[in-house]
Amino acid sequence: MTNIKPVINSYLHCLEKEGFLDRFYELFLTADERISDMFLLVDFDKQKELLRKGIMTILTYLDHESLAGKITIKRLRETHGSRGMNILPEYYEIWKSCLIQAVEEYDHEFSDEIKAGWQKVLNEGVSLMLEKTGI
């Protein structure tokens, strides 16, 4: 993948500010009732940590294509796929939209270029999760 350092930096800017992941989940859980129902019994402290690591794993993998990243993404694909939580493809579209909105609110350097970078990275990440690639 082309240079994703600006997206990695954007993500780090967001994580530096308290409340970024809370804001994402606020947006995501209110975007569709079916999504909020899936999170009724979730430990959100644990969930936010999993999300933080999951996004970083995808970013790192797309930047370096490491074997460790490949294995982690396969595991994520299994837990989110039809044999695991069976996350529907349309939920990923909502997820991407809510994440980009949260990034826009929390990254002080957000721009159209950063947004386009995020869209490209998240599209690739979702393709990885939906088994549309060869890893």
C-alpha atoms as a PDB file:
ATOM      1  CA  MET A   1       0.000   0.000   0.000  1.00  0.00           C
ATOM      2  CA  THR A   2       1.137   3.557  -0.587  1.00  0.00           C
ATOM      3  CA  ASN A   3       2.394   5.721   2.264  1.00  0.00           C
ATOM      4  CA  ILE A   4      -0.017   5.464   5.166  1.00  0.00           C
ATOM      5  CA  LYS A   5       2.141   7.364   7.655  1.00  0.00           C
ATOM      6  CA  PRO A   6      -0.274  10.359   7.582  1.00  0.00           C
ATOM      7  CA  VAL A   7      -3.121   8.037   8.642  1.00  0.00           C
ATOM      8  CA  ILE A   8      -0.996   6.477  11.379  1.00  0.00           C
ATOM      9  CA  ASN A   9      -0.109   9.967  12.628  1.00  0.00           C
ATOM     10  CA  SER A  10      -3.759  10.981  12.481  1.00  0.00           C
ATOM     11  CA  TYR A  11      -4.697   7.947  14.569  1.00  0.00           C
ATOM     12  CA  LEU A  12      -2.016   8.785  17.120  1.00  0.00           C
ATOM     13  CA  HIS A  13      -3.325  12.379  17.316  1.00  0.00           C
ATOM     14  CA  CYS A  14      -6.776  10.989  18.094  1.00  0.00           C
ATOM     15  CA  LEU A  15      -5.503   8.602  20.747  1.00  0.00           C
ATOM     16  CA  GLU A  16      -3.647  11.451  22.459  1.00  0.00           C
ATOM     17  CA  LYS A  17      -6.975  13.106  23.228  1.00  0.00           C
ATOM     18  CA  GLU A  18      -9.095  11.590  25.947  1.00  0.00           C
ATOM     19  CA  GLY A  19     -12.462  10.340  24.814  1.00  0.00           C
ATOM     20  CA  PHE A  20     -11.712   9.461  21.188  1.00  0.00           C
ATOM     21  CA  LEU A  21     -12.776   5.810  21.437  1.00  0.00           C
ATOM     22  CA  ASP A  22     -15.743   6.758  23.617  1.00  0.00           C
ATOM     23  CA  ARG A  23     -16.860   9.201  20.935  1.00  0.00           C
ATOM     24  CA  PHE A  24     -16.484   6.572  18.231  1.00  0.00           C
ATOM     25  CA  TYR A  25     -18.669   4.144  20.167  1.00  0.00           C
ATOM     26  CA  GLU A  26     -21.215   6.881  20.867  1.00  0.00           C
ATOM     27  CA  LEU A  27     -21.507   7.456  17.117  1.00  0.00           C
ATOM     28  CA  PHE A  28     -21.411   3.780  16.192  1.00  0.00           C
ATOM     29  CA  LEU A  29     -23.941   2.551  18.743  1.00  0.00           C
ATOM     30  CA  THR A  30     -26.454   5.250  17.854  1.00  0.00           C
ATOM     31  CA  ALA A  31     -26.072   4.757  14.086  1.00  0.00           C
ATOM     32  CA  ASP A  32     -28.184   1.602  13.959  1.00  0.00           C
ATOM     33  CA  GLU A  33     -30.271  -0.115  16.632  1.00  0.00           C
ATOM     34  CA  ARG A  34     -29.097  -3.542  15.447  1.00  0.00           C
ATOM     35  CA  ILE A  35     -25.529  -2.530  16.248  1.00  0.00           C
ATOM     36  CA  SER A  36     -26.357  -1.240  19.714  1.00  0.00           C
ATOM     37  CA  ASP A  37     -28.159  -4.522  20.445  1.00  0.00           C
ATOM     38  CA  MET A  38     -24.960  -6.447  19.665  1.00  0.00           C
ATOM     39  CA  PHE A  39     -23.107  -4.530  22.378  1.00  0.00           C
ATOM     40  CA  LEU A  40     -25.597  -4.870  25.236  1.00  0.00           C
ATOM     41  CA  LEU A  41     -23.408  -7.126  27.400  1.00  0.00           C
ATOM     42  CA  VAL A  42     -20.002  -5.843  26.303  1.00  0.00           C
ATOM     43  CA  ASP A  43     -17.298  -4.716  28.734  1.00  0.00           C
ATOM     44  CA  PHE A  44     -16.482  -1.391  27.064  1.00  0.00           C
ATOM     45  CA  ASP A  45     -13.109  -0.915  28.737  1.00  0.00           C
ATOM     46  CA  LYS A  46     -12.005  -4.207  27.197  1.00  0.00           C
ATOM     47  CA  GLN A  47     -13.783  -3.452  23.911  1.00  0.00           C
ATOM     48  CA  LYS A  48     -12.071  -0.066  23.525  1.00  0.00           C
ATOM     49  CA  GLU A  49      -8.673  -1.670  24.114  1.00  0.00           C
ATOM     50  CA  LEU A  50      -9.440  -4.352  21.519  1.00  0.00           C
ATOM     51  CA  LEU A  51     -10.498  -1.686  19.030  1.00  0.00           C
ATOM     52  CA  ARG A  52      -7.419   0.439  19.724  1.00  0.00           C
ATOM     53  CA  LYS A  53      -5.157  -2.559  19.100  1.00  0.00           C
ATOM     54  CA  GLY A  54      -7.182  -3.801  16.137  1.00  0.00           C
ATOM     55  CA  ILE A  55      -6.938  -0.517  14.259  1.00  0.00           C
ATOM     56  CA  MET A  56      -3.218  -0.299  14.996  1.00  0.00           C
ATOM     57  CA  THR A  57      -2.761  -3.881  13.786  1.00  0.00           C
ATOM     58  CA  ILE A  58      -4.441  -3.078  10.481  1.00  0.00           C
ATOM     59  CA  LEU A  59      -2.425   0.124  10.070  1.00  0.00           C
ATOM     60  CA  THR A  60       0.833  -1.634  10.904  1.00  0.00           C
ATOM     61  CA  TYR A  61       0.051  -4.538   8.610  1.00  0.00           C
ATOM     62  CA  LEU A  62      -0.801  -2.237   5.699  1.00  0.00           C
ATOM     63  CA  ASP A  63       2.415  -0.323   6.333  1.00  0.00           C
ATOM     64  CA  HIS A  64       4.758  -3.325   6.700  1.00  0.00           C
ATOM     65  CA  GLU A  65       2.815  -6.498   5.776  1.00  0.00           C
ATOM     66  CA  SER A  66       4.364  -8.345   8.701  1.00  0.00           C
ATOM     67  CA  LEU A  67       3.716 -12.019   9.393  1.00  0.00           C
ATOM     68  CA  ALA A  68       2.517 -11.148  12.917  1.00  0.00           C
ATOM     69  CA  GLY A  69       0.015  -8.692  11.454  1.00  0.00           C
ATOM     70  CA  LYS A  70      -1.158 -11.268   8.932  1.00  0.00           C
ATOM     71  CA  ILE A  71      -1.795 -13.812  11.707  1.00  0.00           C
ATOM     72  CA  THR A  72      -3.624 -11.245  13.861  1.00  0.00           C
ATOM     73  CA  ILE A  73      -5.828 -10.155  10.981  1.00  0.00           C
ATOM     74  CA  LYS A  74      -6.696 -13.782  10.220  1.00  0.00           C
ATOM     75  CA  ARG A  75      -7.736 -14.161  13.861  1.00  0.00           C
ATOM     76  CA  LEU A  76      -9.836 -10.969  13.680  1.00  0.00           C
ATOM     77  CA  ARG A  77     -11.438 -12.233  10.475  1.00  0.00           C
ATOM     78  CA  GLU A  78     -12.352 -15.504  12.180  1.00  0.00           C
ATOM     79  CA  THR A  79     -13.843 -13.857  15.277  1.00  0.00           C
ATOM     80  CA  HIS A  80     -15.848 -11.350  13.218  1.00  0.00           C
ATOM     81  CA  GLY A  81     -16.781 -13.693  10.355  1.00  0.00           C
ATOM     82  CA  SER A  82     -19.603 -16.152   9.765  1.00  0.00           C
ATOM     83  CA  ARG A  83     -18.112 -18.690  12.186  1.00  0.00           C
ATOM     84  CA  GLY A  84     -17.731 -16.085  14.916  1.00  0.00           C
ATOM     85  CA  MET A  85     -19.834 -12.999  15.581  1.00  0.00           C
ATOM     86  CA  ASN A  86     -21.109 -12.998  11.980  1.00  0.00           C
ATOM     87  CA  ILE A  87     -20.689  -9.252  11.475  1.00  0.00           C
ATOM     88  CA  LEU A  88     -22.693  -8.235   8.418  1.00  0.00           C
ATOM     89  CA  PRO A  89     -20.903  -6.331   5.631  1.00  0.00           C
ATOM     90  CA  GLU A  90     -23.211  -3.295   5.981  1.00  0.00           C
ATOM     91  CA  TYR A  91     -22.046  -2.865   9.583  1.00  0.00           C
ATOM     92  CA  TYR A  92     -18.508  -2.282   8.339  1.00  0.00           C
ATOM     93  CA  GLU A  93     -19.746   0.624   6.227  1.00  0.00           C
ATOM     94  CA  ILE A  94     -21.345   2.177   9.306  1.00  0.00           C
ATOM     95  CA  TRP A  95     -18.191   1.441  11.311  1.00  0.00           C
ATOM     96  CA  LYS A  96     -16.003   3.208   8.733  1.00  0.00           C
ATOM     97  CA  SER A  97     -18.278   6.243   8.583  1.00  0.00           C
ATOM     98  CA  CYS A  98     -18.416   6.597  12.373  1.00  0.00           C
ATOM     99  CA  LEU A  99     -14.672   6.134  12.750  1.00  0.00           C
ATOM    100  CA  ILE A 100     -13.913   8.803  10.152  1.00  0.00           C
ATOM    101  CA  GLN A 101     -16.369  11.171  11.848  1.00  0.00           C
ATOM    102  CA  ALA A 102     -14.657  10.611  15.212  1.00  0.00           C
ATOM    103  CA  VAL A 103     -11.233  11.122  13.615  1.00  0.00           C
ATOM    104  CA  GLU A 104     -12.437  14.371  12.047  1.00  0.00           C
ATOM    105  CA  GLU A 105     -13.526  15.574  15.489  1.00  0.00           C
ATOM    106  CA  TYR A 106     -10.331  14.528  17.304  1.00  0.00           C
ATOM    107  CA  ASP A 107      -7.442  15.003  14.836  1.00  0.00           C
ATOM    108  CA  HIS A 108      -6.402  18.659  14.925  1.00  0.00           C
ATOM    109  CA  GLU A 109      -4.646  18.200  11.550  1.00  0.00           C
ATOM    110  CA  PHE A 110      -7.620  16.576   9.792  1.00  0.00           C
ATOM    111  CA  SER A 111      -7.929  17.537   6.124  1.00  0.00           C
ATOM    112  CA  ASP A 112      -9.443  16.257   2.892  1.00  0.00           C
ATOM    113  CA  GLU A 113      -6.160  14.423   2.213  1.00  0.00           C
ATOM    114  CA  ILE A 114      -6.224  12.765   5.638  1.00  0.00           C
ATOM    115  CA  LYS A 115      -9.861  11.798   5.096  1.00  0.00           C
ATOM    116  CA  ALA A 116      -9.037  10.238   1.721  1.00  0.00           C
ATOM    117  CA  GLY A 117      -6.161   8.338   3.340  1.00  0.00           C
ATOM    118  CA  TRP A 118      -8.431   7.034   6.079  1.00  0.00           C
ATOM    119  CA  GLN A 119     -11.041   5.970   3.521  1.00  0.00           C
ATOM    120  CA  LYS A 120      -8.437   4.067   1.523  1.00  0.00           C
ATOM    121  CA  VAL A 121      -6.975   2.380   4.620  1.00  0.00           C
ATOM    122  CA  LEU A 122     -10.372   1.471   6.049  1.00  0.00           C
ATOM    123  CA  ASN A 123     -11.569   0.104   2.714  1.00  0.00           C
ATOM    124  CA  GLU A 124      -8.493  -2.116   2.595  1.00  0.00           C
ATOM    125  CA  GLY A 125      -8.962  -3.099   6.243  1.00  0.00           C
ATOM    126  CA  VAL A 126     -12.571  -4.071   5.645  1.00  0.00           C
ATOM    127  CA  SER A 127     -11.510  -6.076   2.592  1.00  0.00           C
ATOM    128  CA  LEU A 128      -9.123  -7.957   4.877  1.00  0.00           C
ATOM    129  CA  MET A 129     -11.921  -8.588   7.360  1.00  0.00           C
ATOM    130  CA  LEU A 130     -14.359  -9.758   4.665  1.00  0.00           C
ATOM    131  CA  GLU A 131     -11.854 -12.231   3.202  1.00  0.00           C
ATOM    132  CA  LYS A 132     -11.565 -10.347  -0.066  1.00  0.00           C
ATOM    133  CA  THR A 133      -7.780 -10.676  -0.098  1.00  0.00           C
ATOM    134  CA  GLY A 134      -5.315 -13.524  -0.200  1.00  0.00           C
ATOM    135  CA  ILE A 135      -3.974 -13.332   3.356  1.00  0.00           C
END
